[in-house]
PDB file of N, CA and C in Angstrom:
ATOM      1  N   UNK A   1     -48.163 243.980 125.104  1.00  0.00           N
ATOM      2  CA  UNK A   1     -49.657 244.061 125.223  1.00  0.00           C
ATOM      3  C   UNK A   1     -50.208 245.160 125.976  1.00  0.00           C
ATOM      4  N   UNK A   2     -51.851 245.166 125.415  1.00  0.00           N
ATOM      5  CA  UNK A   2     -52.486 247.002 125.873  1.00  0.00           C
ATOM      6  C   UNK A   2     -53.651 245.690 126.418  1.00  0.00           C
ATOM      7  N   UNK A   3     -54.113 245.329 127.754  1.00  0.00           N
ATOM      8  CA  UNK A   3     -54.427 244.511 128.231  1.00  0.00           C
ATOM      9  C   UNK A   3     -56.509 245.886 128.037  1.00  0.00           C
ATOM     10  N   UNK A   4     -57.657 245.724 128.206  1.00  0.00           N
ATOM     11  CA  UNK A   4     -58.801 245.533 129.075  1.00  0.00           C
ATOM     12  C   UNK A   4     -58.393 246.200 130.411  1.00  0.00           C
ATOM     13  N   UNK A   5     -59.178 247.092 131.104  1.00  0.00           N
ATOM     14  CA  UNK A   5     -59.083 247.413 132.450  1.00  0.00           C
ATOM     15  C   UNK A   5     -60.223 246.000 132.963  1.00  0.00           C
ATOM     16  N   UNK A   6     -60.911 245.570 132.413  1.00  0.00           N
ATOM     17  CA  UNK A   6     -61.557 243.897 133.446  1.00  0.00           C
ATOM     18  C   UNK A   6     -60.639 243.069 132.602  1.00  0.00           C
ATOM     19  N   UNK A   7     -59.375 242.884 132.029  1.00  0.00           N
ATOM     20  CA  UNK A   7     -58.286 241.899 132.229  1.00  0.00           C
ATOM     21  C   UNK A   7     -57.826 241.955 133.330  1.00  0.00           C
ATOM     22  N   UNK A   8     -57.164 243.630 133.619  1.00  0.00           N
ATOM     23  CA  UNK A   8     -56.500 243.951 135.066  1.00  0.00           C
ATOM     24  C   UNK A   8     -57.270 243.046 136.194  1.00  0.00           C
ATOM     25  N   UNK A   9     -58.647 243.799 136.700  1.00  0.00           N
ATOM     26  CA  UNK A   9     -59.423 243.868 137.022  1.00  0.00           C
ATOM     27  C   UNK A   9     -60.190 241.920 138.029  1.00  0.00           C
ATOM     28  N   UNK A  10     -59.300 241.544 136.628  1.00  0.00           N
ATOM     29  CA  UNK A  10     -59.482 240.085 137.811  1.00  0.00           C
ATOM     30  C   UNK A  10     -58.043 239.109 137.263  1.00  0.00           C
ATOM     31  N   UNK A  11     -56.939 239.731 137.107  1.00  0.00           N
ATOM     32  CA  UNK A  11     -55.636 240.043 137.645  1.00  0.00           C
ATOM     33  C   UNK A  11     -55.278 240.556 138.974  1.00  0.00           C
ATOM     34  N   UNK A  12     -55.588 241.690 139.180  1.00  0.00           N
ATOM     35  CA  UNK A  12     -55.570 242.323 140.220  1.00  0.00           C
ATOM     36  C   UNK A  12     -56.403 241.426 141.862  1.00  0.00           C
ATOM     37  N   UNK A  13     -57.608 241.371 141.289  1.00  0.00           N
ATOM     38  CA  UNK A  13     -58.953 240.373 142.370  1.00  0.00           C
ATOM     39  C   UNK A  13     -58.365 239.806 143.472  1.00  0.00           C
ATOM     40  N   UNK A  14     -57.820 239.053 142.626  1.00  0.00           N
ATOM     41  CA  UNK A  14     -57.414 237.831 143.508  1.00  0.00           C
ATOM     42  C   UNK A  14     -56.237 238.274 144.851  1.00  0.00           C
ATOM     43  N   UNK A  15     -55.081 238.986 143.820  1.00  0.00           N
ATOM     44  CA  UNK A  15     -54.399 240.046 144.326  1.00  0.00           C
ATOM     45  C   UNK A  15     -54.554 240.749 145.988  1.00  0.00           C
ATOM     46  N   UNK A  16     -55.640 241.747 145.782  1.00  0.00           N
ATOM     47  CA  UNK A  16     -56.435 242.745 146.632  1.00  0.00           C
ATOM     48  C   UNK A  16     -56.577 241.827 147.446  1.00  0.00           C
ATOM     49  N   UNK A  17     -57.553 240.535 147.224  1.00  0.00           N
ATOM     50  CA  UNK A  17     -57.653 239.782 148.826  1.00  0.00           C
ATOM     51  C   UNK A  17     -56.561 239.471 149.750  1.00  0.00           C
ATOM     52  N   UNK A  18     -56.039 238.389 148.667  1.00  0.00           N
ATOM     53  CA  UNK A  18     -55.161 238.038 149.639  1.00  0.00           C
ATOM     54  C   UNK A  18     -53.935 239.367 150.810  1.00  0.00           C
ATOM     55  N   UNK A  19     -53.465 240.132 150.294  1.00  0.00           N
ATOM     56  CA  UNK A  19     -53.493 241.262 150.860  1.00  0.00           C
ATOM     57  C   UNK A  19     -53.960 242.037 151.089  1.00  0.00           C
ATOM     58  N   UNK A  20     -55.496 241.377 151.752  1.00  0.00           N
ATOM     59  CA  UNK A  20     -56.142 242.272 152.230  1.00  0.00           C
ATOM     60  C   UNK A  20     -56.675 243.890 152.206  1.00  0.00           C
ATOM     61  N   UNK A  21     -56.672 244.289 151.287  1.00  0.00           N
ATOM     62  CA  UNK A  21     -56.344 245.800 151.086  1.00  0.00           C
ATOM     63  C   UNK A  21     -58.242 246.279 150.673  1.00  0.00           C
ATOM     64  N   UNK A  22     -58.094 247.344 151.016  1.00  0.00           N
ATOM     65  CA  UNK A  22     -59.479 247.826 151.044  1.00  0.00           C
ATOM     66  C   UNK A  22     -60.371 248.318 149.602  1.00  0.00           C
ATOM     67  N   UNK A  23     -59.257 249.234 149.116  1.00  0.00           N
ATOM     68  CA  UNK A  23     -59.638 248.723 147.656  1.00  0.00           C
ATOM     69  C   UNK A  23     -58.355 249.383 146.720  1.00  0.00           C
ATOM     70  N   UNK A  24     -58.560 248.891 145.423  1.00  0.00           N
ATOM     71  CA  UNK A  24     -56.995 249.692 144.471  1.00  0.00           C
ATOM     72  C   UNK A  24     -57.914 250.236 143.285  1.00  0.00           C
ATOM     73  N   UNK A  25     -57.267 251.000 143.241  1.00  0.00           N
ATOM     74  CA  UNK A  25     -57.885 251.965 141.646  1.00  0.00           C
ATOM     75  C   UNK A  25     -55.970 252.018 140.259  1.00  0.00           C
ATOM     76  N   UNK A  26     -57.723 251.822 139.868  1.00  0.00           N
ATOM     77  CA  UNK A  26     -56.203 252.456 138.177  1.00  0.00           C
ATOM     78  C   UNK A  26     -56.585 254.167 137.716  1.00  0.00           C
ATOM     79  N   UNK A  27     -55.380 254.366 137.296  1.00  0.00           N
ATOM     80  CA  UNK A  27     -55.044 255.346 137.233  1.00  0.00           C
ATOM     81  C   UNK A  27     -54.405 255.902 135.584  1.00  0.00           C
ATOM     82  N   UNK A  28     -54.238 257.140 135.125  1.00  0.00           N
ATOM     83  CA  UNK A  28     -53.298 257.579 133.930  1.00  0.00           C
ATOM     84  C   UNK A  28     -53.600 256.940 133.047  1.00  0.00           C
ATOM     85  N   UNK A  29     -52.610 256.334 131.503  1.00  0.00           N
ATOM     86  CA  UNK A  29     -53.497 256.627 130.118  1.00  0.00           C
ATOM     87  C   UNK A  29     -54.559 254.589 130.227  1.00  0.00           C
ATOM     88  N   UNK A  30     -54.474 253.618 130.772  1.00  0.00           N
ATOM     89  CA  UNK A  30     -55.205 252.911 130.536  1.00  0.00           C
ATOM     90  C   UNK A  30     -56.246 253.271 131.333  1.00  0.00           C
ATOM     91  N   UNK A  31     -56.186 253.990 132.498  1.00  0.00           N
ATOM     92  CA  UNK A  31     -57.754 254.271 132.648  1.00  0.00           C
ATOM     93  C   UNK A  31     -58.516 255.248 131.715  1.00  0.00           C
ATOM     94  N   UNK A  32     -58.012 256.021 131.205  1.00  0.00           N
ATOM     95  CA  UNK A  32     -58.143 257.129 130.636  1.00  0.00           C
ATOM     96  C   UNK A  32     -58.367 256.579 129.028  1.00  0.00           C
ATOM     97  N   UNK A  33     -58.611 254.972 129.104  1.00  0.00           N
ATOM     98  CA  UNK A  33     -58.879 254.535 128.005  1.00  0.00           C
ATOM     99  C   UNK A  33     -57.430 254.323 126.359  1.00  0.00           C
ATOM    100  N   UNK A  34     -56.459 255.106 126.845  1.00  0.00           N
ATOM    101  CA  UNK A  34     -55.263 255.112 126.068  1.00  0.00           C
ATOM    102  C   UNK A  34     -54.033 254.355 126.037  1.00  0.00           C
ATOM    103  N   UNK A  35     -54.125 253.993 127.166  1.00  0.00           N
ATOM    104  CA  UNK A  35     -53.150 252.921 127.082  1.00  0.00           C
ATOM    105  C   UNK A  35     -52.395 252.732 125.046  1.00  0.00           C
ATOM    106  N   UNK A  36     -51.117 251.433 124.928  1.00  0.00           N
ATOM    107  CA  UNK A  36     -50.616 251.389 123.552  1.00  0.00           C
ATOM    108  C   UNK A  36     -49.461 250.522 124.527  1.00  0.00           C
ATOM    109  N   UNK A  37     -48.608 250.136 123.544  1.00  0.00           N
ATOM    110  CA  UNK A  37     -47.301 248.968 124.105  1.00  0.00           C
ATOM    111  C   UNK A  37     -46.851 249.434 125.072  1.00  0.00           C
ATOM    112  N   UNK A  38     -46.562 250.730 124.788  1.00  0.00           N
ATOM    113  CA  UNK A  38     -45.539 251.249 125.627  1.00  0.00           C
ATOM    114  C   UNK A  38     -46.148 251.603 126.938  1.00  0.00           C
ATOM    115  N   UNK A  39     -47.701 252.194 127.585  1.00  0.00           N
ATOM    116  CA  UNK A  39     -47.680 251.923 128.226  1.00  0.00           C
ATOM    117  C   UNK A  39     -47.145 251.486 129.982  1.00  0.00           C
ATOM    118  N   UNK A  40     -47.857 251.750 131.043  1.00  0.00           N
ATOM    119  CA  UNK A  40     -47.618 251.764 132.438  1.00  0.00           C
ATOM    120  C   UNK A  40     -48.252 250.815 132.416  1.00  0.00           C
ATOM    121  N   UNK A  41     -48.414 249.954 133.950  1.00  0.00           N
ATOM    122  CA  UNK A  41     -49.904 250.512 135.006  1.00  0.00           C
ATOM    123  C   UNK A  41     -50.096 250.975 135.989  1.00  0.00           C
ATOM    124  N   UNK A  42     -50.725 252.513 136.056  1.00  0.00           N
ATOM    125  CA  UNK A  42     -50.641 253.034 137.204  1.00  0.00           C
ATOM    126  C   UNK A  42     -51.271 252.566 137.807  1.00  0.00           C
ATOM    127  N   UNK A  43     -51.337 251.603 139.212  1.00  0.00           N
ATOM    128  CA  UNK A  43     -52.745 251.300 140.434  1.00  0.00           C
ATOM    129  C   UNK A  43     -52.130 252.752 141.696  1.00  0.00           C
ATOM    130  N   UNK A  44     -53.051 252.140 142.247  1.00  0.00           N
ATOM    131  CA  UNK A  44     -52.766 252.707 143.539  1.00  0.00           C
ATOM    132  C   UNK A  44     -53.575 251.815 145.045  1.00  0.00           C
ATOM    133  N   UNK A  45     -53.251 251.568 145.770  1.00  0.00           N
ATOM    134  CA  UNK A  45     -53.926 250.960 147.059  1.00  0.00           C
ATOM    135  C   UNK A  45     -54.327 251.151 147.769  1.00  0.00           C
ATOM    136  N   UNK A  46     -55.328 250.967 149.064  1.00  0.00           N
ATOM    137  CA  UNK A  46     -55.697 251.568 149.986  1.00  0.00           C
ATOM    138  C   UNK A  46     -55.735 249.834 151.276  1.00  0.00           C
ATOM    139  N   UNK A  47     -55.010 249.980 152.172  1.00  0.00           N
ATOM    140  CA  UNK A  47     -55.296 249.659 152.791  1.00  0.00           C
ATOM    141  C   UNK A  47     -55.539 249.762 154.260  1.00  0.00           C
ATOM    142  N   UNK A  48     -55.573 248.872 155.158  1.00  0.00           N
ATOM    143  CA  UNK A  48     -56.429 249.206 156.608  1.00  0.00           C
ATOM    144  C   UNK A  48     -55.215 249.375 157.232  1.00  0.00           C
ATOM    145  N   UNK A  49     -55.111 251.382 157.472  1.00  0.00           N
ATOM    146  CA  UNK A  49     -53.940 251.746 158.605  1.00  0.00           C
ATOM    147  C   UNK A  49     -53.403 252.569 157.592  1.00  0.00           C
ATOM    148  N   UNK A  50     -52.189 253.072 158.615  1.00  0.00           N
ATOM    149  CA  UNK A  50     -51.167 253.686 157.903  1.00  0.00           C
ATOM    150  C   UNK A  50     -50.190 252.873 158.442  1.00  0.00           C
ATOM    151  N   UNK A  51     -49.395 252.788 156.957  1.00  0.00           N
ATOM    152  CA  UNK A  51     -48.513 251.144 157.421  1.00  0.00           C
ATOM    153  C   UNK A  51     -48.414 249.717 157.004  1.00  0.00           C
ATOM    154  N   UNK A  52     -50.313 249.961 157.195  1.00  0.00           N
ATOM    155  CA  UNK A  52     -50.162 248.479 157.497  1.00  0.00           C
ATOM    156  C   UNK A  52     -50.398 247.666 156.232  1.00  0.00           C
ATOM    157  N   UNK A  53     -49.634 248.005 155.444  1.00  0.00           N
ATOM    158  CA  UNK A  53     -48.486 247.132 154.685  1.00  0.00           C
ATOM    159  C   UNK A  53     -47.779 246.189 155.208  1.00  0.00           C
ATOM    160  N   UNK A  54     -47.219 247.053 154.703  1.00  0.00           N
ATOM    161  CA  UNK A  54     -44.991 247.181 155.366  1.00  0.00           C
ATOM    162  C   UNK A  54     -44.172 246.139 154.308  1.00  0.00           C
ATOM    163  N   UNK A  55     -43.612 244.419 154.845  1.00  0.00           N
ATOM    164  CA  UNK A  55     -42.949 244.843 153.657  1.00  0.00           C
ATOM    165  C   UNK A  55     -44.305 244.085 152.585  1.00  0.00           C
ATOM    166  N   UNK A  56     -44.629 243.446 153.529  1.00  0.00           N
ATOM    167  CA  UNK A  56     -46.318 243.203 151.788  1.00  0.00           C
ATOM    168  C   UNK A  56     -46.088 244.443 150.565  1.00  0.00           C
ATOM    169  N   UNK A  57     -46.219 245.318 151.142  1.00  0.00           N
ATOM    170  CA  UNK A  57     -45.852 245.964 149.549  1.00  0.00           C
ATOM    171  C   UNK A  57     -45.402 246.053 148.391  1.00  0.00           C
ATOM    172  N   UNK A  58     -44.519 245.257 149.336  1.00  0.00           N
ATOM    173  CA  UNK A  58     -42.782 244.869 148.070  1.00  0.00           C
ATOM    174  C   UNK A  58     -43.549 243.515 147.186  1.00  0.00           C
ATOM    175  N   UNK A  59     -43.407 241.859 147.913  1.00  0.00           N
ATOM    176  CA  UNK A  59     -44.527 241.310 148.007  1.00  0.00           C
ATOM    177  C   UNK A  59     -45.086 240.988 146.831  1.00  0.00           C
ATOM    178  N   UNK A  60     -46.416 242.083 147.277  1.00  0.00           N
ATOM    179  CA  UNK A  60     -47.518 242.787 145.943  1.00  0.00           C
ATOM    180  C   UNK A  60     -46.639 242.915 145.280  1.00  0.00           C
ATOM    181  N   UNK A  61     -46.050 243.850 145.135  1.00  0.00           N
ATOM    182  CA  UNK A  61     -45.504 244.822 143.765  1.00  0.00           C
ATOM    183  C   UNK A  61     -44.607 243.762 142.618  1.00  0.00           C
ATOM    184  N   UNK A  62     -44.443 242.623 143.828  1.00  0.00           N
ATOM    185  CA  UNK A  62     -42.947 241.593 142.583  1.00  0.00           C
ATOM    186  C   UNK A  62     -44.722 240.380 142.495  1.00  0.00           C
ATOM    187  N   UNK A  63     -45.700 240.580 142.581  1.00  0.00           N
ATOM    188  CA  UNK A  63     -46.687 240.140 142.038  1.00  0.00           C
ATOM    189  C   UNK A  63     -46.772 240.364 140.933  1.00  0.00           C
ATOM    190  N   UNK A  64     -47.310 241.908 140.956  1.00  0.00           N
ATOM    191  CA  UNK A  64     -48.202 242.193 139.838  1.00  0.00           C
ATOM    192  C   UNK A  64     -47.320 242.291 138.694  1.00  0.00           C
ATOM    193  N   UNK A  65     -46.085 242.706 139.708  1.00  0.00           N
ATOM    194  CA  UNK A  65     -44.696 242.377 137.894  1.00  0.00           C
ATOM    195  C   UNK A  65     -44.620 241.276 136.992  1.00  0.00           C
ATOM    196  N   UNK A  66     -44.952 239.936 138.247  1.00  0.00           N
ATOM    197  CA  UNK A  66     -44.545 238.567 137.404  1.00  0.00           C
ATOM    198  C   UNK A  66     -46.483 237.684 136.788  1.00  0.00           C
ATOM    199  N   UNK A  67     -47.785 238.652 136.962  1.00  0.00           N
ATOM    200  CA  UNK A  67     -48.772 238.902 136.580  1.00  0.00           C
ATOM    201  C   UNK A  67     -49.354 240.589 135.157  1.00  0.00           C
ATOM    202  N   UNK A  68     -48.695 241.042 135.244  1.00  0.00           N
ATOM    203  CA  UNK A  68     -48.223 241.237 133.978  1.00  0.00           C
ATOM    204  C   UNK A  68     -47.278 242.014 133.449  1.00  0.00           C
ATOM    205  N   UNK A  69     -46.253 240.772 133.425  1.00  0.00           N
ATOM    206  CA  UNK A  69     -45.416 240.349 133.070  1.00  0.00           C
ATOM    207  C   UNK A  69     -44.246 240.900 131.674  1.00  0.00           C
ATOM    208  N   UNK A  70     -45.278 241.503 130.484  1.00  0.00           N
ATOM    209  CA  UNK A  70     -45.504 242.034 129.713  1.00  0.00           C
ATOM    210  C   UNK A  70     -45.052 243.303 129.566  1.00  0.00           C
ATOM    211  N   UNK A  71     -45.866 244.019 131.399  1.00  0.00           N
ATOM    212  CA  UNK A  71     -45.646 245.882 130.474  1.00  0.00           C
ATOM    213  C   UNK A  71     -45.611 245.545 132.301  1.00  0.00           C
ATOM    214  N   UNK A  72     -45.295 247.202 132.829  1.00  0.00           N
ATOM    215  CA  UNK A  72     -44.655 247.808 133.730  1.00  0.00           C
ATOM    216  C   UNK A  72     -45.914 247.908 134.655  1.00  0.00           C
ATOM    217  N   UNK A  73     -45.138 247.225 135.861  1.00  0.00           N
ATOM    218  CA  UNK A  73     -46.655 248.767 137.447  1.00  0.00           C
ATOM    219  C   UNK A  73     -46.098 249.177 138.100  1.00  0.00           C
ATOM    220  N   UNK A  74     -46.830 250.444 138.214  1.00  0.00           N
ATOM    221  CA  UNK A  74     -46.309 251.276 138.603  1.00  0.00           C
ATOM    222  C   UNK A  74     -47.508 251.347 140.211  1.00  0.00           C
ATOM    223  N   UNK A  75     -46.966 251.678 141.436  1.00  0.00           N
ATOM    224  CA  UNK A  75     -47.304 250.496 142.787  1.00  0.00           C
ATOM    225  C   UNK A  75     -47.527 251.562 143.808  1.00  0.00           C
ATOM    226  N   UNK A  76     -48.457 252.464 143.926  1.00  0.00           N
ATOM    227  CA  UNK A  76     -48.881 253.203 145.097  1.00  0.00           C
ATOM    228  C   UNK A  76     -49.746 253.021 146.068  1.00  0.00           C
ATOM    229  N   UNK A  77     -49.297 253.757 147.221  1.00  0.00           N
ATOM    230  CA  UNK A  77     -50.455 253.762 148.190  1.00  0.00           C
ATOM    231  C   UNK A  77     -50.510 254.769 148.320  1.00  0.00           C
ATOM    232  N   UNK A  78     -52.164 254.895 148.315  1.00  0.00           N
ATOM    233  CA  UNK A  78     -52.755 256.022 148.847  1.00  0.00           C
ATOM    234  C   UNK A  78     -52.239 257.160 149.914  1.00  0.00           C
ATOM    235  N   UNK A  79     -51.844 257.277 150.465  1.00  0.00           N
ATOM    236  CA  UNK A  79     -51.277 257.448 151.862  1.00  0.00           C
ATOM    237  C   UNK A  79     -49.998 258.211 151.159  1.00  0.00           C
ATOM    238  N   UNK A  80     -49.113 257.813 150.288  1.00  0.00           N
ATOM    239  CA  UNK A  80     -47.731 257.746 149.695  1.00  0.00           C
ATOM    240  C   UNK A  80     -48.193 258.618 148.652  1.00  0.00           C
ATOM    241  N   UNK A  81     -49.613 259.009 148.046  1.00  0.00           N
ATOM    242  CA  UNK A  81     -49.522 259.765 147.071  1.00  0.00           C
ATOM    243  C   UNK A  81     -50.433 261.064 147.421  1.00  0.00           C
ATOM    244  N   UNK A  82     -51.237 260.954 148.442  1.00  0.00           N
ATOM    245  CA  UNK A  82     -52.251 262.244 149.333  1.00  0.00           C
ATOM    246  C   UNK A  82     -50.872 263.003 149.478  1.00  0.00           C
ATOM    247  N   UNK A  83     -50.283 263.273 149.647  1.00  0.00           N
ATOM    248  CA  UNK A  83     -49.649 263.201 151.602  1.00  0.00           C
ATOM    249  C   UNK A  83     -47.444 263.372 151.000  1.00  0.00           C
ATOM    250  N   UNK A  84     -48.190 263.336 149.797  1.00  0.00           N
ATOM    251  CA  UNK A  84     -47.256 263.957 148.236  1.00  0.00           C
ATOM    252  C   UNK A  84     -46.259 265.330 148.190  1.00  0.00           C
ATOM    253  N   UNK A  85     -46.179 266.067 148.714  1.00  0.00           N
ATOM    254  CA  UNK A  85     -46.192 267.361 148.783  1.00  0.00           C
ATOM    255  C   UNK A  85     -44.794 268.113 147.803  1.00  0.00           C
ATOM    256  N   UNK A  86     -44.590 267.817 147.132  1.00  0.00           N
ATOM    257  CA  UNK A  86     -43.554 268.733 145.802  1.00  0.00           C
ATOM    258  C   UNK A  86     -44.658 268.075 144.646  1.00  0.00           C
ATOM    259  N   UNK A  87     -44.098 269.067 143.753  1.00  0.00           N
ATOM    260  CA  UNK A  87     -44.939 269.609 142.666  1.00  0.00           C
ATOM    261  C   UNK A  87     -45.877 268.821 142.209  1.00  0.00           C
ATOM    262  N   UNK A  88     -44.758 267.436 141.647  1.00  0.00           N
ATOM    263  CA  UNK A  88     -44.568 265.981 140.945  1.00  0.00           C
ATOM    264  C   UNK A  88     -45.875 265.484 141.742  1.00  0.00           C
ATOM    265  N   UNK A  89     -45.672 265.404 143.166  1.00  0.00           N
ATOM    266  CA  UNK A  89     -46.566 263.877 143.113  1.00  0.00           C
ATOM    267  C   UNK A  89     -47.877 264.984 143.428  1.00  0.00           C
ATOM    268  N   UNK A  90     -48.301 266.718 143.372  1.00  0.00           N
ATOM    269  CA  UNK A  90     -49.440 267.139 143.024  1.00  0.00           C
ATOM    270  C   UNK A  90     -50.318 267.289 142.379  1.00  0.00           C
ATOM    271  N   UNK A  91     -48.617 267.271 141.149  1.00  0.00           N
ATOM    272  CA  UNK A  91     -49.983 267.260 139.663  1.00  0.00           C
ATOM    273  C   UNK A  91     -50.309 265.242 139.221  1.00  0.00           C
ATOM    274  N   UNK A  92     -49.616 264.148 139.707  1.00  0.00           N
ATOM    275  CA  UNK A  92     -49.807 262.627 140.283  1.00  0.00           C
ATOM    276  C   UNK A  92     -51.074 262.525 140.937  1.00  0.00           C
ATOM    277  N   UNK A  93     -51.364 263.178 142.053  1.00  0.00           N
ATOM    278  CA  UNK A  93     -51.912 263.228 142.525  1.00  0.00           C
ATOM    279  C   UNK A  93     -53.812 263.856 141.894  1.00  0.00           C
ATOM    280  N   UNK A  94     -53.114 265.285 141.018  1.00  0.00           N
ATOM    281  CA  UNK A  94     -54.698 266.035 140.268  1.00  0.00           C
ATOM    282  C   UNK A  94     -54.970 264.902 139.066  1.00  0.00           C
ATOM    283  N   UNK A  95     -53.938 264.034 139.268  1.00  0.00           N
ATOM    284  CA  UNK A  95     -53.999 263.086 137.400  1.00  0.00           C
ATOM    285  C   UNK A  95     -55.165 262.127 138.015  1.00  0.00           C
ATOM    286  N   UNK A  96     -54.537 261.625 139.045  1.00  0.00           N
ATOM    287  CA  UNK A  96     -55.153 260.389 139.972  1.00  0.00           C
ATOM    288  C   UNK A  96     -56.506 260.732 139.950  1.00  0.00           C
ATOM    289  N   UNK A  97     -56.736 262.256 141.076  1.00  0.00           N
ATOM    290  CA  UNK A  97     -58.520 262.443 141.351  1.00  0.00           C
ATOM    291  C   UNK A  97     -59.290 262.631 139.671  1.00  0.00           C
ATOM    292  N   UNK A  98     -58.674 262.897 138.133  1.00  0.00           N
ATOM    293  CA  UNK A  98     -59.457 263.397 137.850  1.00  0.00           C
ATOM    294  C   UNK A  98     -59.538 261.635 136.911  1.00  0.00           C
ATOM    295  N   UNK A  99     -58.503 261.105 136.376  1.00  0.00           N
ATOM    296  CA  UNK A  99     -58.803 259.527 136.090  1.00  0.00           C
ATOM    297  C   UNK A  99     -59.438 258.154 137.039  1.00  0.00           C
ATOM    298  N   UNK A 100     -59.169 257.619 138.045  1.00  0.00           N
ATOM    299  CA  UNK A 100     -59.281 256.570 138.906  1.00  0.00           C
ATOM    300  C   UNK A 100     -60.731 256.745 138.195  1.00  0.00           C
ATOM    301  N   UNK A 101     -60.471 255.583 138.010  1.00  0.00           N
ATOM    302  CA  UNK A 101     -61.023 253.633 137.539  1.00  0.00           C
ATOM    303  C   UNK A 101     -60.850 252.805 139.062  1.00  0.00           C
ATOM    304  N   UNK A 102     -61.796 252.573 139.673  1.00  0.00           N
ATOM    305  CA  UNK A 102     -61.842 251.890 141.051  1.00  0.00           C
ATOM    306  C   UNK A 102     -61.884 249.688 140.269  1.00  0.00           C
ATOM    307  N   UNK A 103     -60.881 249.897 140.780  1.00  0.00           N
ATOM    308  CA  UNK A 103     -61.223 248.462 140.185  1.00  0.00           C
ATOM    309  C   UNK A 103     -61.688 246.562 141.380  1.00  0.00           C
ATOM    310  N   UNK A 104     -61.410 247.399 142.679  1.00  0.00           N
ATOM    311  CA  UNK A 104     -61.273 246.060 143.952  1.00  0.00           C
ATOM    312  C   UNK A 104     -62.114 247.164 144.682  1.00  0.00           C
ATOM    313  N   UNK A 105     -62.885 247.488 145.972  1.00  0.00           N
ATOM    314  CA  UNK A 105     -63.442 247.264 147.385  1.00  0.00           C
ATOM    315  C   UNK A 105     -64.088 246.804 147.970  1.00  0.00           C
ATOM    316  N   UNK A 106     -62.985 246.156 149.203  1.00  0.00           N
ATOM    317  CA  UNK A 106     -63.421 245.183 149.684  1.00  0.00           C
ATOM    318  C   UNK A 106     -64.919 245.066 150.335  1.00  0.00           C
ATOM    319  N   UNK A 107     -65.943 243.990 150.598  1.00  0.00           N
ATOM    320  CA  UNK A 107     -67.280 244.132 151.209  1.00  0.00           C
ATOM    321  C   UNK A 107     -67.116 243.423 152.438  1.00  0.00           C
ATOM    322  N   UNK A 108     -68.102 243.485 152.903  1.00  0.00           N
ATOM    323  CA  UNK A 108     -67.842 243.617 154.698  1.00  0.00           C
ATOM    324  C   UNK A 108     -68.694 241.876 154.031  1.00  0.00           C
ATOM    325  N   UNK A 109     -67.890 241.065 155.098  1.00  0.00           N
ATOM    326  CA  UNK A 109     -68.913 239.789 154.618  1.00  0.00           C
ATOM    327  C   UNK A 109     -70.234 239.505 154.545  1.00  0.00           C
ATOM    328  N   UNK A 110     -70.748 239.116 154.097  1.00  0.00           N
ATOM    329  CA  UNK A 110     -72.260 239.191 154.441  1.00  0.00           C
ATOM    330  C   UNK A 110     -73.543 239.686 154.651  1.00  0.00           C
ATOM    331  N   UNK A 111     -72.917 240.759 154.051  1.00  0.00           N
ATOM    332  CA  UNK A 111     -73.988 242.447 153.708  1.00  0.00           C
ATOM    333  C   UNK A 111     -73.684 242.876 152.210  1.00  0.00           C
ATOM    334  N   UNK A 112     -74.019 243.781 151.879  1.00  0.00           N
ATOM    335  CA  UNK A 112     -73.941 244.790 150.704  1.00  0.00           C
ATOM    336  C   UNK A 112     -73.080 245.467 150.675  1.00  0.00           C
ATOM    337  N   UNK A 113     -72.420 245.336 152.038  1.00  0.00           N
ATOM    338  CA  UNK A 113     -71.946 247.202 152.399  1.00  0.00           C
ATOM    339  C   UNK A 113     -70.806 247.399 151.980  1.00  0.00           C
ATOM    340  N   UNK A 114     -70.762 248.367 151.331  1.00  0.00           N
ATOM    341  CA  UNK A 114     -68.676 248.374 151.128  1.00  0.00           C
ATOM    342  C   UNK A 114     -67.858 248.812 152.531  1.00  0.00           C
ATOM    343  N   UNK A 115     -66.747 248.402 152.592  1.00  0.00           N
ATOM    344  CA  UNK A 115     -66.111 249.182 153.980  1.00  0.00           C
ATOM    345  C   UNK A 115     -65.034 250.461 153.621  1.00  0.00           C
ATOM    346  N   UNK A 116     -65.214 251.187 154.711  1.00  0.00           N
ATOM    347  CA  UNK A 116     -64.215 252.448 153.975  1.00  0.00           C
ATOM    348  C   UNK A 116     -62.994 252.327 154.231  1.00  0.00           C
TER     349      UNK A 116
END
């Protein structure tokens, strides 16, 4: 199955709230509108503080695999993506910066302001 960005967002938002994420980005073929039956869903998450998710990262990954049971999910943290100094890591980061689509951003309660 090939999902629309809106369908991905509908599945991501409740999990982003549950895990208290600051932001979730989509990149890769889905973000570029080039996804096909063999495409995976590439996600980058932002959480508060260094290593804020800890073992919850793996629980989140398991839940994403369950809600997208027919599509592989690649999940990365922004910290891990932006600090990977290998050649491949730098190329993935460049592609992320070029393709990224914001799926979720936490809002401050009671205001129209976004948190950083």
